[in-house]
């Protein structure tokens, strides 16, 4: 079964590397968005199996985007993994308290990103 994932990140390089990695290595269908607002619309439109969401974005940040996803019945059940460069334990606890599936750290290894996501979500 092919999985689909939505990458929401304001950094072009991160979106491109993650998308290429997940498409090439895992064979997943990948959708991308460059902002929280665009990500909400794409999540509703594409109904991905999971969302990889950047924490620090201008305008609507990752935690705010996550809360908006949870408010909408169309996106409330989509698993969300946060992607962040913030490694302090206080930040990690705050993000975990949101109720996300996992917190993945930047920089990530493109060769193992799909394995990390699959392990968290129980995808074989």
PDB file of N, CA and C in Angstrom:
ATOM      1  N   UNK A   1       0.838  -1.190   0.000  1.00  0.00           N
ATOM      2  CA  UNK A   1       0.000   0.000   0.000  1.00  0.00           C
ATOM      3  C   UNK A   1       0.878   1.247   0.000  1.00  0.00           C
ATOM      4  N   UNK A   2       0.574   2.162  -0.893  1.00  0.00           N
ATOM      5  CA  UNK A   2       1.324   3.405  -0.952  1.00  0.00           C
ATOM      6  C   UNK A   2       0.724   4.397   0.026  1.00  0.00           C
ATOM      7  N   UNK A   3       1.595   5.008   0.805  1.00  0.00           N
ATOM      8  CA  UNK A   3       1.150   6.019   1.762  1.00  0.00           C
ATOM      9  C   UNK A   3       1.319   7.400   1.150  1.00  0.00           C
ATOM     10  N   UNK A   4       0.598   8.360   1.712  1.00  0.00           N
ATOM     11  CA  UNK A   4       0.745   9.749   1.283  1.00  0.00           C
ATOM     12  C   UNK A   4       1.066  10.608   2.498  1.00  0.00           C
ATOM     13  N   UNK A   5       1.859  11.633   2.252  1.00  0.00           N
ATOM     14  CA  UNK A   5       2.272  12.522   3.342  1.00  0.00           C
ATOM     15  C   UNK A   5       2.306  13.956   2.832  1.00  0.00           C
ATOM     16  N   UNK A   6       1.908  14.862   3.701  1.00  0.00           N
ATOM     17  CA  UNK A   6       1.946  16.292   3.407  1.00  0.00           C
ATOM     18  C   UNK A   6       3.084  16.900   4.206  1.00  0.00           C
ATOM     19  N   UNK A   7       3.974  17.603   3.520  1.00  0.00           N
ATOM     20  CA  UNK A   7       5.077  18.303   4.177  1.00  0.00           C
ATOM     21  C   UNK A   7       4.724  19.780   4.215  1.00  0.00           C
ATOM     22  N   UNK A   8       4.647  20.337   5.427  1.00  0.00           N
ATOM     23  CA  UNK A   8       4.366  21.766   5.595  1.00  0.00           C
ATOM     24  C   UNK A   8       5.613  22.409   6.189  1.00  0.00           C
ATOM     25  N   UNK A   9       6.326  23.180   5.393  1.00  0.00           N
ATOM     26  CA  UNK A   9       7.569  23.821   5.837  1.00  0.00           C
ATOM     27  C   UNK A   9       7.798  25.056   4.977  1.00  0.00           C
ATOM     28  N   UNK A  10       8.215  26.147   5.597  1.00  0.00           N
ATOM     29  CA  UNK A  10       8.434  27.380   4.851  1.00  0.00           C
ATOM     30  C   UNK A  10       9.775  27.403   4.126  1.00  0.00           C
ATOM     31  N   UNK A  11      10.669  26.477   4.423  1.00  0.00           N
ATOM     32  CA  UNK A  11      11.990  26.452   3.789  1.00  0.00           C
ATOM     33  C   UNK A  11      11.959  25.562   2.551  1.00  0.00           C
ATOM     34  N   UNK A  12      12.229  26.176   1.392  1.00  0.00           N
ATOM     35  CA  UNK A  12      12.199  25.443   0.122  1.00  0.00           C
ATOM     36  C   UNK A  12      13.103  24.218   0.149  1.00  0.00           C
ATOM     37  N   UNK A  13      14.341  24.395   0.645  1.00  0.00           N
ATOM     38  CA  UNK A  13      15.308  23.287   0.648  1.00  0.00           C
ATOM     39  C   UNK A  13      14.816  22.107   1.473  1.00  0.00           C
ATOM     40  N   UNK A  14      14.247  22.386   2.627  1.00  0.00           N
ATOM     41  CA  UNK A  14      13.747  21.313   3.497  1.00  0.00           C
ATOM     42  C   UNK A  14      12.614  20.565   2.807  1.00  0.00           C
ATOM     43  N   UNK A  15      11.675  21.301   2.244  1.00  0.00           N
ATOM     44  CA  UNK A  15      10.554  20.664   1.531  1.00  0.00           C
ATOM     45  C   UNK A  15      11.059  19.790   0.395  1.00  0.00           C
ATOM     46  N   UNK A  16      11.988  20.324  -0.400  1.00  0.00           N
ATOM     47  CA  UNK A  16      12.480  19.585  -1.561  1.00  0.00           C
ATOM     48  C   UNK A  16      13.249  18.332  -1.169  1.00  0.00           C
ATOM     49  N   UNK A  17      14.133  18.445  -0.186  1.00  0.00           N
ATOM     50  CA  UNK A  17      14.922  17.284   0.237  1.00  0.00           C
ATOM     51  C   UNK A  17      14.020  16.222   0.865  1.00  0.00           C
ATOM     52  N   UNK A  18      13.116  16.652   1.728  1.00  0.00           N
ATOM     53  CA  UNK A  18      12.216  15.684   2.381  1.00  0.00           C
ATOM     54  C   UNK A  18      11.314  15.018   1.347  1.00  0.00           C
ATOM     55  N   UNK A  19      10.760  15.791   0.428  1.00  0.00           N
ATOM     56  CA  UNK A  19       9.867  15.227  -0.591  1.00  0.00           C
ATOM     57  C   UNK A  19      10.609  14.229  -1.474  1.00  0.00           C
ATOM     58  N   UNK A  20      11.783  14.605  -1.938  1.00  0.00           N
ATOM     59  CA  UNK A  20      12.577  13.714  -2.783  1.00  0.00           C
ATOM     60  C   UNK A  20      12.913  12.427  -2.041  1.00  0.00           C
ATOM     61  N   UNK A  21      13.298  12.565  -0.780  1.00  0.00           N
ATOM     62  CA  UNK A  21      13.632  11.413   0.043  1.00  0.00           C
ATOM     63  C   UNK A  21      12.439  10.471   0.198  1.00  0.00           C
ATOM     64  N   UNK A  22      11.292  11.012   0.560  1.00  0.00           N
ATOM     65  CA  UNK A  22      10.119  10.176   0.826  1.00  0.00           C
ATOM     66  C   UNK A  22       9.549   9.560  -0.452  1.00  0.00           C
ATOM     67  N   UNK A  23       9.642  10.286  -1.564  1.00  0.00           N
ATOM     68  CA  UNK A  23       9.169   9.743  -2.844  1.00  0.00           C
ATOM     69  C   UNK A  23      10.117   8.656  -3.356  1.00  0.00           C
ATOM     70  N   UNK A  24      11.415   8.939  -3.311  1.00  0.00           N
ATOM     71  CA  UNK A  24      12.405   8.038  -3.895  1.00  0.00           C
ATOM     72  C   UNK A  24      12.659   6.802  -3.046  1.00  0.00           C
ATOM     73  N   UNK A  25      12.885   7.010  -1.770  1.00  0.00           N
ATOM     74  CA  UNK A  25      13.251   5.892  -0.895  1.00  0.00           C
ATOM     75  C   UNK A  25      12.036   5.073  -0.469  1.00  0.00           C
ATOM     76  N   UNK A  26      10.960   5.747  -0.087  1.00  0.00           N
ATOM     77  CA  UNK A  26       9.791   5.025   0.430  1.00  0.00           C
ATOM     78  C   UNK A  26       8.726   4.788  -0.635  1.00  0.00           C
ATOM     79  N   UNK A  27       8.763   5.559  -1.706  1.00  0.00           N
ATOM     80  CA  UNK A  27       7.747   5.419  -2.735  1.00  0.00           C
ATOM     81  C   UNK A  27       6.404   6.017  -2.354  1.00  0.00           C
ATOM     82  N   UNK A  28       6.415   6.948  -1.405  1.00  0.00           N
ATOM     83  CA  UNK A  28       5.177   7.566  -0.947  1.00  0.00           C
ATOM     84  C   UNK A  28       4.772   8.702  -1.879  1.00  0.00           C
ATOM     85  N   UNK A  29       3.483   8.989  -1.877  1.00  0.00           N
ATOM     86  CA  UNK A  29       2.970  10.160  -2.582  1.00  0.00           C
ATOM     87  C   UNK A  29       3.163  11.350  -1.639  1.00  0.00           C
ATOM     88  N   UNK A  30       3.761  12.417  -2.133  1.00  0.00           N
ATOM     89  CA  UNK A  30       4.087  13.565  -1.289  1.00  0.00           C
ATOM     90  C   UNK A  30       3.405  14.817  -1.815  1.00  0.00           C
ATOM     91  N   UNK A  31       2.784  15.535  -0.902  1.00  0.00           N
ATOM     92  CA  UNK A  31       2.215  16.849  -1.186  1.00  0.00           C
ATOM     93  C   UNK A  31       3.008  17.852  -0.360  1.00  0.00           C
ATOM     94  N   UNK A  32       3.122  19.082  -0.819  1.00  0.00           N
ATOM     95  CA  UNK A  32       3.887  20.082  -0.081  1.00  0.00           C
ATOM     96  C   UNK A  32       3.087  21.371   0.077  1.00  0.00           C
ATOM     97  N   UNK A  33       3.419  22.088   1.145  1.00  0.00           N
ATOM     98  CA  UNK A  33       2.836  23.403   1.416  1.00  0.00           C
ATOM     99  C   UNK A  33       3.928  24.261   2.042  1.00  0.00           C
ATOM    100  N   UNK A  34       3.924  25.555   1.714  1.00  0.00           N
ATOM    101  CA  UNK A  34       4.986  26.432   2.216  1.00  0.00           C
ATOM    102  C   UNK A  34       4.558  27.305   3.392  1.00  0.00           C
ATOM    103  N   UNK A  35       3.350  27.060   3.920  1.00  0.00           N
ATOM    104  CA  UNK A  35       2.885  27.840   5.074  1.00  0.00           C
ATOM    105  C   UNK A  35       1.807  27.045   5.801  1.00  0.00           C
ATOM    106  N   UNK A  36       1.514  27.455   7.017  1.00  0.00           N
ATOM    107  CA  UNK A  36       0.453  26.807   7.768  1.00  0.00           C
ATOM    108  C   UNK A  36      -0.894  26.945   7.076  1.00  0.00           C
ATOM    109  N   UNK A  37      -1.165  28.123   6.553  1.00  0.00           N
ATOM    110  CA  UNK A  37      -2.439  28.361   5.878  1.00  0.00           C
ATOM    111  C   UNK A  37      -2.579  27.471   4.639  1.00  0.00           C
ATOM    112  N   UNK A  38      -1.531  27.424   3.836  1.00  0.00           N
ATOM    113  CA  UNK A  38      -1.556  26.568   2.652  1.00  0.00           C
ATOM    114  C   UNK A  38      -1.628  25.095   3.064  1.00  0.00           C
ATOM    115  N   UNK A  39      -0.951  24.747   4.149  1.00  0.00           N
ATOM    116  CA  UNK A  39      -0.978  23.370   4.640  1.00  0.00           C
ATOM    117  C   UNK A  39      -2.366  22.918   5.062  1.00  0.00           C
ATOM    118  N   UNK A  40      -3.112  23.801   5.728  1.00  0.00           N
ATOM    119  CA  UNK A  40      -4.486  23.466   6.124  1.00  0.00           C
ATOM    120  C   UNK A  40      -5.337  23.164   4.895  1.00  0.00           C
ATOM    121  N   UNK A  41      -5.203  23.991   3.874  1.00  0.00           N
ATOM    122  CA  UNK A  41      -5.979  23.792   2.648  1.00  0.00           C
ATOM    123  C   UNK A  41      -5.587  22.490   1.951  1.00  0.00           C
ATOM    124  N   UNK A  42      -4.284  22.211   1.876  1.00  0.00           N
ATOM    125  CA  UNK A  42      -3.822  20.987   1.205  1.00  0.00           C
ATOM    126  C   UNK A  42      -4.212  19.743   2.001  1.00  0.00           C
ATOM    127  N   UNK A  43      -4.224  19.837   3.322  1.00  0.00           N
ATOM    128  CA  UNK A  43      -4.628  18.693   4.149  1.00  0.00           C
ATOM    129  C   UNK A  43      -6.091  18.342   3.884  1.00  0.00           C
ATOM    130  N   UNK A  44      -6.930  19.351   3.765  1.00  0.00           N
ATOM    131  CA  UNK A  44      -8.346  19.122   3.475  1.00  0.00           C
ATOM    132  C   UNK A  44      -8.501  18.550   2.067  1.00  0.00           C
ATOM    133  N   UNK A  45      -7.770  19.127   1.115  1.00  0.00           N
ATOM    134  CA  UNK A  45      -7.879  18.728  -0.288  1.00  0.00           C
ATOM    135  C   UNK A  45      -7.381  17.297  -0.530  1.00  0.00           C
ATOM    136  N   UNK A  46      -6.219  16.952   0.028  1.00  0.00           N
ATOM    137  CA  UNK A  46      -5.576  15.673  -0.299  1.00  0.00           C
ATOM    138  C   UNK A  46      -5.805  14.565   0.726  1.00  0.00           C
ATOM    139  N   UNK A  47      -6.211  14.904   1.946  1.00  0.00           N
ATOM    140  CA  UNK A  47      -6.419  13.905   3.000  1.00  0.00           C
ATOM    141  C   UNK A  47      -5.238  12.932   3.094  1.00  0.00           C
ATOM    142  N   UNK A  48      -4.031  13.444   3.390  1.00  0.00           N
ATOM    143  CA  UNK A  48      -2.860  12.568   3.442  1.00  0.00           C
ATOM    144  C   UNK A  48      -2.941  11.604   4.629  1.00  0.00           C
ATOM    145  N   UNK A  49      -2.139  10.561   4.559  1.00  0.00           N
ATOM    146  CA  UNK A  49      -2.075   9.588   5.656  1.00  0.00           C
ATOM    147  C   UNK A  49      -1.343  10.159   6.868  1.00  0.00           C
ATOM    148  N   UNK A  50      -0.483  11.157   6.645  1.00  0.00           N
ATOM    149  CA  UNK A  50       0.259  11.798   7.733  1.00  0.00           C
ATOM    150  C   UNK A  50       0.730  13.173   7.276  1.00  0.00           C
ATOM    151  N   UNK A  51       1.114  13.985   8.260  1.00  0.00           N
ATOM    152  CA  UNK A  51       1.615  15.330   7.982  1.00  0.00           C
ATOM    153  C   UNK A  51       2.940  15.519   8.710  1.00  0.00           C
ATOM    154  N   UNK A  52       3.945  16.014   7.985  1.00  0.00           N
ATOM    155  CA  UNK A  52       5.231  16.393   8.550  1.00  0.00           C
ATOM    156  C   UNK A  52       5.210  17.913   8.617  1.00  0.00           C
ATOM    157  N   UNK A  53       5.210  18.463   9.832  1.00  0.00           N
ATOM    158  CA  UNK A  53       4.931  19.881  10.061  1.00  0.00           C
ATOM    159  C   UNK A  53       6.085  20.592  10.747  1.00  0.00           C
ATOM    160  N   UNK A  54       6.586  21.627  10.099  1.00  0.00           N
ATOM    161  CA  UNK A  54       7.652  22.454  10.670  1.00  0.00           C
ATOM    162  C   UNK A  54       7.104  23.260  11.848  1.00  0.00           C
ATOM    163  N   UNK A  55       7.913  23.443  12.871  1.00  0.00           N
ATOM    164  CA  UNK A  55       7.492  24.204  14.051  1.00  0.00           C
ATOM    165  C   UNK A  55       7.588  25.707  13.804  1.00  0.00           C
ATOM    166  N   UNK A  56       8.732  26.160  13.335  1.00  0.00           N
ATOM    167  CA  UNK A  56       8.978  27.595  13.190  1.00  0.00           C
ATOM    168  C   UNK A  56       8.690  28.054  11.761  1.00  0.00           C
ATOM    169  N   UNK A  57       7.556  28.725  11.600  1.00  0.00           N
ATOM    170  CA  UNK A  57       7.187  29.294  10.300  1.00  0.00           C
ATOM    171  C   UNK A  57       6.624  30.685  10.545  1.00  0.00           C
ATOM    172  N   UNK A  58       6.838  31.600   9.603  1.00  0.00           N
ATOM    173  CA  UNK A  58       6.236  32.927   9.761  1.00  0.00           C
ATOM    174  C   UNK A  58       4.720  32.840   9.615  1.00  0.00           C
ATOM    175  N   UNK A  59       4.029  33.794  10.185  1.00  0.00           N
ATOM    176  CA  UNK A  59       2.564  33.768  10.128  1.00  0.00           C
ATOM    177  C   UNK A  59       2.043  32.721  11.088  1.00  0.00           C
ATOM    178  N   UNK A  60       1.466  31.671  10.553  1.00  0.00           N
ATOM    179  CA  UNK A  60       0.919  30.594  11.388  1.00  0.00           C
ATOM    180  C   UNK A  60       2.015  29.555  11.643  1.00  0.00           C
ATOM    181  N   UNK A  61       2.482  29.476  12.895  1.00  0.00           N
ATOM    182  CA  UNK A  61       3.546  28.526  13.215  1.00  0.00           C
ATOM    183  C   UNK A  61       3.000  27.099  13.302  1.00  0.00           C
ATOM    184  N   UNK A  62       3.910  26.144  13.503  1.00  0.00           N
ATOM    185  CA  UNK A  62       3.525  24.745  13.547  1.00  0.00           C
ATOM    186  C   UNK A  62       2.504  24.399  14.622  1.00  0.00           C
ATOM    187  N   UNK A  63       2.731  24.794  15.884  1.00  0.00           N
ATOM    188  CA  UNK A  63       1.741  24.477  16.916  1.00  0.00           C
ATOM    189  C   UNK A  63       0.352  25.055  16.625  1.00  0.00           C
ATOM    190  N   UNK A  64       0.292  26.263  16.077  1.00  0.00           N
ATOM    191  CA  UNK A  64      -0.997  26.858  15.727  1.00  0.00           C
ATOM    192  C   UNK A  64      -1.640  26.084  14.576  1.00  0.00           C
ATOM    193  N   UNK A  65      -0.841  25.717  13.586  1.00  0.00           N
ATOM    194  CA  UNK A  65      -1.341  24.924  12.466  1.00  0.00           C
ATOM    195  C   UNK A  65      -1.884  23.590  12.975  1.00  0.00           C
ATOM    196  N   UNK A  66      -1.145  22.963  13.891  1.00  0.00           N
ATOM    197  CA  UNK A  66      -1.583  21.681  14.465  1.00  0.00           C
ATOM    198  C   UNK A  66      -2.945  21.830  15.152  1.00  0.00           C
ATOM    199  N   UNK A  67      -3.098  22.871  15.941  1.00  0.00           N
ATOM    200  CA  UNK A  67      -4.378  23.092  16.634  1.00  0.00           C
ATOM    201  C   UNK A  67      -5.520  23.305  15.637  1.00  0.00           C
ATOM    202  N   UNK A  68      -5.243  24.029  14.554  1.00  0.00           N
ATOM    203  CA  UNK A  68      -6.264  24.253  13.522  1.00  0.00           C
ATOM    204  C   UNK A  68      -6.621  22.938  12.814  1.00  0.00           C
ATOM    205  N   UNK A  69      -5.628  22.097  12.564  1.00  0.00           N
ATOM    206  CA  UNK A  69      -5.890  20.788  11.956  1.00  0.00           C
ATOM    207  C   UNK A  69      -6.817  19.959  12.849  1.00  0.00           C
ATOM    208  N   UNK A  70      -6.593  20.038  14.157  1.00  0.00           N
ATOM    209  CA  UNK A  70      -7.385  19.247  15.104  1.00  0.00           C
ATOM    210  C   UNK A  70      -8.820  19.768  15.239  1.00  0.00           C
ATOM    211  N   UNK A  71      -9.026  21.049  14.980  1.00  0.00           N
ATOM    212  CA  UNK A  71     -10.369  21.640  15.079  1.00  0.00           C
ATOM    213  C   UNK A  71     -11.281  21.210  13.943  1.00  0.00           C
ATOM    214  N   UNK A  72     -10.695  20.881  12.791  1.00  0.00           N
ATOM    215  CA  UNK A  72     -11.475  20.558  11.604  1.00  0.00           C
ATOM    216  C   UNK A  72     -11.734  19.052  11.542  1.00  0.00           C
ATOM    217  N   UNK A  73     -12.995  18.630  11.510  1.00  0.00           N
ATOM    218  CA  UNK A  73     -13.300  17.192  11.449  1.00  0.00           C
ATOM    219  C   UNK A  73     -12.653  16.484  10.255  1.00  0.00           C
ATOM    220  N   UNK A  74     -12.411  17.208   9.162  1.00  0.00           N
ATOM    221  CA  UNK A  74     -11.812  16.608   7.971  1.00  0.00           C
ATOM    222  C   UNK A  74     -10.335  16.280   8.161  1.00  0.00           C
ATOM    223  N   UNK A  75      -9.665  16.948   9.112  1.00  0.00           N
ATOM    224  CA  UNK A  75      -8.226  16.736   9.303  1.00  0.00           C
ATOM    225  C   UNK A  75      -7.862  16.322  10.729  1.00  0.00           C
ATOM    226  N   UNK A  76      -8.839  16.227  11.599  1.00  0.00           N
ATOM    227  CA  UNK A  76      -8.582  16.004  13.023  1.00  0.00           C
ATOM    228  C   UNK A  76      -7.869  14.692  13.325  1.00  0.00           C
ATOM    229  N   UNK A  77      -8.063  13.675  12.494  1.00  0.00           N
ATOM    230  CA  UNK A  77      -7.490  12.361  12.782  1.00  0.00           C
ATOM    231  C   UNK A  77      -6.196  12.064  12.027  1.00  0.00           C
ATOM    232  N   UNK A  78      -5.717  13.005  11.222  1.00  0.00           N
ATOM    233  CA  UNK A  78      -4.481  12.781  10.471  1.00  0.00           C
ATOM    234  C   UNK A  78      -3.299  12.882  11.440  1.00  0.00           C
ATOM    235  N   UNK A  79      -2.456  11.837  11.512  1.00  0.00           N
ATOM    236  CA  UNK A  79      -1.285  11.896  12.401  1.00  0.00           C
ATOM    237  C   UNK A  79      -0.320  12.997  11.958  1.00  0.00           C
ATOM    238  N   UNK A  80       0.203  13.728  12.952  1.00  0.00           N
ATOM    239  CA  UNK A  80       1.122  14.825  12.674  1.00  0.00           C
ATOM    240  C   UNK A  80       2.446  14.581  13.387  1.00  0.00           C
ATOM    241  N   UNK A  81       3.541  14.749  12.639  1.00  0.00           N
ATOM    242  CA  UNK A  81       4.885  14.673  13.193  1.00  0.00           C
ATOM    243  C   UNK A  81       5.498  16.054  13.059  1.00  0.00           C
ATOM    244  N   UNK A  82       6.010  16.593  14.157  1.00  0.00           N
ATOM    245  CA  UNK A  82       6.635  17.912  14.109  1.00  0.00           C
ATOM    246  C   UNK A  82       8.088  17.782  13.686  1.00  0.00           C
ATOM    247  N   UNK A  83       8.541  18.752  12.913  1.00  0.00           N
ATOM    248  CA  UNK A  83       9.921  18.822  12.460  1.00  0.00           C
ATOM    249  C   UNK A  83      10.505  20.114  13.027  1.00  0.00           C
ATOM    250  N   UNK A  84      11.554  19.987  13.839  1.00  0.00           N
ATOM    251  CA  UNK A  84      12.072  21.178  14.509  1.00  0.00           C
ATOM    252  C   UNK A  84      13.579  21.147  14.686  1.00  0.00           C
ATOM    253  N   UNK A  85      14.161  22.333  14.731  1.00  0.00           N
ATOM    254  CA  UNK A  85      15.572  22.480  15.062  1.00  0.00           C
ATOM    255  C   UNK A  85      15.741  22.774  16.548  1.00  0.00           C
ATOM    256  N   UNK A  86      14.626  22.986  17.248  1.00  0.00           N
ATOM    257  CA  UNK A  86      14.678  23.284  18.680  1.00  0.00           C
ATOM    258  C   UNK A  86      14.906  21.988  19.447  1.00  0.00           C
ATOM    259  N   UNK A  87      16.040  21.906  20.128  1.00  0.00           N
ATOM    260  CA  UNK A  87      16.389  20.653  20.794  1.00  0.00           C
ATOM    261  C   UNK A  87      16.384  20.756  22.322  1.00  0.00           C
ATOM    262  N   UNK A  88      16.054  21.919  22.862  1.00  0.00           N
ATOM    263  CA  UNK A  88      16.019  22.059  24.316  1.00  0.00           C
ATOM    264  C   UNK A  88      14.885  21.221  24.883  1.00  0.00           C
ATOM    265  N   UNK A  89      15.111  20.616  26.033  1.00  0.00           N
ATOM    266  CA  UNK A  89      14.123  19.709  26.607  1.00  0.00           C
ATOM    267  C   UNK A  89      12.803  20.418  26.919  1.00  0.00           C
ATOM    268  N   UNK A  90      12.842  21.690  27.295  1.00  0.00           N
ATOM    269  CA  UNK A  90      11.596  22.409  27.581  1.00  0.00           C
ATOM    270  C   UNK A  90      10.751  22.554  26.310  1.00  0.00           C
ATOM    271  N   UNK A  91      11.412  22.824  25.186  1.00  0.00           N
ATOM    272  CA  UNK A  91      10.694  22.902  23.910  1.00  0.00           C
ATOM    273  C   UNK A  91      10.131  21.534  23.541  1.00  0.00           C
ATOM    274  N   UNK A  92      10.931  20.492  23.702  1.00  0.00           N
ATOM    275  CA  UNK A  92      10.501  19.137  23.366  1.00  0.00           C
ATOM    276  C   UNK A  92       9.254  18.750  24.172  1.00  0.00           C
ATOM    277  N   UNK A  93       9.259  19.057  25.466  1.00  0.00           N
ATOM    278  CA  UNK A  93       8.097  18.740  26.316  1.00  0.00           C
ATOM    279  C   UNK A  93       6.862  19.513  25.879  1.00  0.00           C
ATOM    280  N   UNK A  94       7.051  20.791  25.571  1.00  0.00           N
ATOM    281  CA  UNK A  94       5.927  21.629  25.130  1.00  0.00           C
ATOM    282  C   UNK A  94       5.326  21.077  23.846  1.00  0.00           C
ATOM    283  N   UNK A  95       6.172  20.666  22.912  1.00  0.00           N
ATOM    284  CA  UNK A  95       5.679  20.105  21.650  1.00  0.00           C
ATOM    285  C   UNK A  95       4.993  18.762  21.887  1.00  0.00           C
ATOM    286  N   UNK A  96       5.576  17.928  22.726  1.00  0.00           N
ATOM    287  CA  UNK A  96       4.984  16.612  23.009  1.00  0.00           C
ATOM    288  C   UNK A  96       3.618  16.776  23.669  1.00  0.00           C
ATOM    289  N   UNK A  97       3.470  17.799  24.499  1.00  0.00           N
ATOM    290  CA  UNK A  97       2.198  18.044  25.184  1.00  0.00           C
ATOM    291  C   UNK A  97       1.069  18.430  24.219  1.00  0.00           C
ATOM    292  N   UNK A  98       1.420  18.828  23.002  1.00  0.00           N
ATOM    293  CA  UNK A  98       0.399  19.165  22.006  1.00  0.00           C
ATOM    294  C   UNK A  98      -0.404  17.930  21.598  1.00  0.00           C
ATOM    295  N   UNK A  99       0.243  16.765  21.638  1.00  0.00           N
ATOM    296  CA  UNK A  99      -0.428  15.539  21.214  1.00  0.00           C
ATOM    297  C   UNK A  99      -0.011  15.066  19.831  1.00  0.00           C
ATOM    298  N   UNK A 100       1.149  15.509  19.376  1.00  0.00           N
ATOM    299  CA  UNK A 100       1.649  15.054  18.075  1.00  0.00           C
ATOM    300  C   UNK A 100       2.163  13.627  18.198  1.00  0.00           C
ATOM    301  N   UNK A 101       2.273  12.947  17.067  1.00  0.00           N
ATOM    302  CA  UNK A 101       2.745  11.560  17.052  1.00  0.00           C
ATOM    303  C   UNK A 101       4.220  11.459  17.436  1.00  0.00           C
ATOM    304  N   UNK A 102       5.015  12.418  16.960  1.00  0.00           N
ATOM    305  CA  UNK A 102       6.461  12.392  17.218  1.00  0.00           C
ATOM    306  C   UNK A 102       7.052  13.758  16.930  1.00  0.00           C
ATOM    307  N   UNK A 103       8.285  13.925  17.398  1.00  0.00           N
ATOM    308  CA  UNK A 103       9.052  15.124  17.123  1.00  0.00           C
ATOM    309  C   UNK A 103      10.337  14.669  16.446  1.00  0.00           C
ATOM    310  N   UNK A 104      10.539  15.109  15.226  1.00  0.00           N
ATOM    311  CA  UNK A 104      11.736  14.771  14.471  1.00  0.00           C
ATOM    312  C   UNK A 104      12.628  16.000  14.420  1.00  0.00           C
ATOM    313  N   UNK A 105      13.927  15.785  14.536  1.00  0.00           N
ATOM    314  CA  UNK A 105      14.865  16.899  14.631  1.00  0.00           C
ATOM    315  C   UNK A 105      15.497  17.246  13.291  1.00  0.00           C
ATOM    316  N   UNK A 106      15.668  18.555  13.083  1.00  0.00           N
ATOM    317  CA  UNK A 106      16.442  19.083  11.961  1.00  0.00           C
ATOM    318  C   UNK A 106      17.862  19.288  12.461  1.00  0.00           C
ATOM    319  N   UNK A 107      18.852  19.058  11.675  1.00  0.00           N
ATOM    320  CA  UNK A 107      18.739  18.505  10.335  1.00  0.00           C
ATOM    321  C   UNK A 107      18.444  17.006  10.401  1.00  0.00           C
ATOM    322  N   UNK A 108      17.654  16.527   9.472  1.00  0.00           N
ATOM    323  CA  UNK A 108      17.336  15.104   9.423  1.00  0.00           C
ATOM    324  C   UNK A 108      18.193  14.436   8.352  1.00  0.00           C
ATOM    325  N   UNK A 109      18.306  13.130   8.448  1.00  0.00           N
ATOM    326  CA  UNK A 109      19.037  12.354   7.454  1.00  0.00           C
ATOM    327  C   UNK A 109      18.041  11.916   6.387  1.00  0.00           C
ATOM    328  N   UNK A 110      18.170  12.413   5.152  1.00  0.00           N
ATOM    329  CA  UNK A 110      17.219  12.049   4.109  1.00  0.00           C
ATOM    330  C   UNK A 110      17.152  10.539   3.855  1.00  0.00           C
ATOM    331  N   UNK A 111      18.244   9.837   4.140  1.00  0.00           N
ATOM    332  CA  UNK A 111      18.270   8.394   3.888  1.00  0.00           C
ATOM    333  C   UNK A 111      17.479   7.600   4.924  1.00  0.00           C
ATOM    334  N   UNK A 112      17.252   8.181   6.100  1.00  0.00           N
ATOM    335  CA  UNK A 112      16.529   7.457   7.149  1.00  0.00           C
ATOM    336  C   UNK A 112      15.200   8.105   7.524  1.00  0.00           C
ATOM    337  N   UNK A 113      14.862   9.229   6.899  1.00  0.00           N
ATOM    338  CA  UNK A 113      13.636   9.948   7.257  1.00  0.00           C
ATOM    339  C   UNK A 113      12.400   9.069   7.109  1.00  0.00           C
ATOM    340  N   UNK A 114      12.274   8.367   6.010  1.00  0.00           N
ATOM    341  CA  UNK A 114      11.083   7.534   5.804  1.00  0.00           C
ATOM    342  C   UNK A 114      11.009   6.414   6.837  1.00  0.00           C
ATOM    343  N   UNK A 115      12.153   5.852   7.216  1.00  0.00           N
ATOM    344  CA  UNK A 115      12.158   4.808   8.250  1.00  0.00           C
ATOM    345  C   UNK A 115      11.711   5.357   9.602  1.00  0.00           C
ATOM    346  N   UNK A 116      12.146   6.568   9.928  1.00  0.00           N
ATOM    347  CA  UNK A 116      11.732   7.195  11.188  1.00  0.00           C
ATOM    348  C   UNK A 116      10.216   7.398  11.207  1.00  0.00           C
ATOM    349  N   UNK A 117       9.685   7.928  10.124  1.00  0.00           N
ATOM    350  CA  UNK A 117       8.247   8.185  10.046  1.00  0.00           C
ATOM    351  C   UNK A 117       7.471   6.875  10.089  1.00  0.00           C
ATOM    352  N   UNK A 118       7.909   5.897   9.298  1.00  0.00           N
ATOM    353  CA  UNK A 118       7.222   4.607   9.246  1.00  0.00           C
ATOM    354  C   UNK A 118       7.220   3.918  10.612  1.00  0.00           C
ATOM    355  N   UNK A 119       8.331   4.025  11.338  1.00  0.00           N
ATOM    356  CA  UNK A 119       8.419   3.383  12.657  1.00  0.00           C
ATOM    357  C   UNK A 119       7.426   4.018  13.633  1.00  0.00           C
ATOM    358  N   UNK A 120       7.331   5.329  13.618  1.00  0.00           N
ATOM    359  CA  UNK A 120       6.407   6.035  14.507  1.00  0.00           C
ATOM    360  C   UNK A 120       4.960   5.683  14.191  1.00  0.00           C
ATOM    361  N   UNK A 121       4.639   5.606  12.915  1.00  0.00           N
ATOM    362  CA  UNK A 121       3.245   5.409  12.495  1.00  0.00           C
ATOM    363  C   UNK A 121       2.852   3.937  12.323  1.00  0.00           C
ATOM    364  N   UNK A 122       3.835   3.047  12.469  1.00  0.00           N
ATOM    365  CA  UNK A 122       3.535   1.621  12.326  1.00  0.00           C
ATOM    366  C   UNK A 122       3.309   1.211  10.879  1.00  0.00           C
ATOM    367  N   UNK A 123       3.921   1.942   9.948  1.00  0.00           N
ATOM    368  CA  UNK A 123       3.833   1.592   8.533  1.00  0.00           C
ATOM    369  C   UNK A 123       4.950   0.610   8.215  1.00  0.00           C
ATOM    370  N   UNK A 124       4.638  -0.459   7.532  1.00  0.00           N
ATOM    371  CA  UNK A 124       5.695  -1.429   7.198  1.00  0.00           C
ATOM    372  C   UNK A 124       6.278  -1.161   5.831  1.00  0.00           C
TER     373      UNK A 124
END
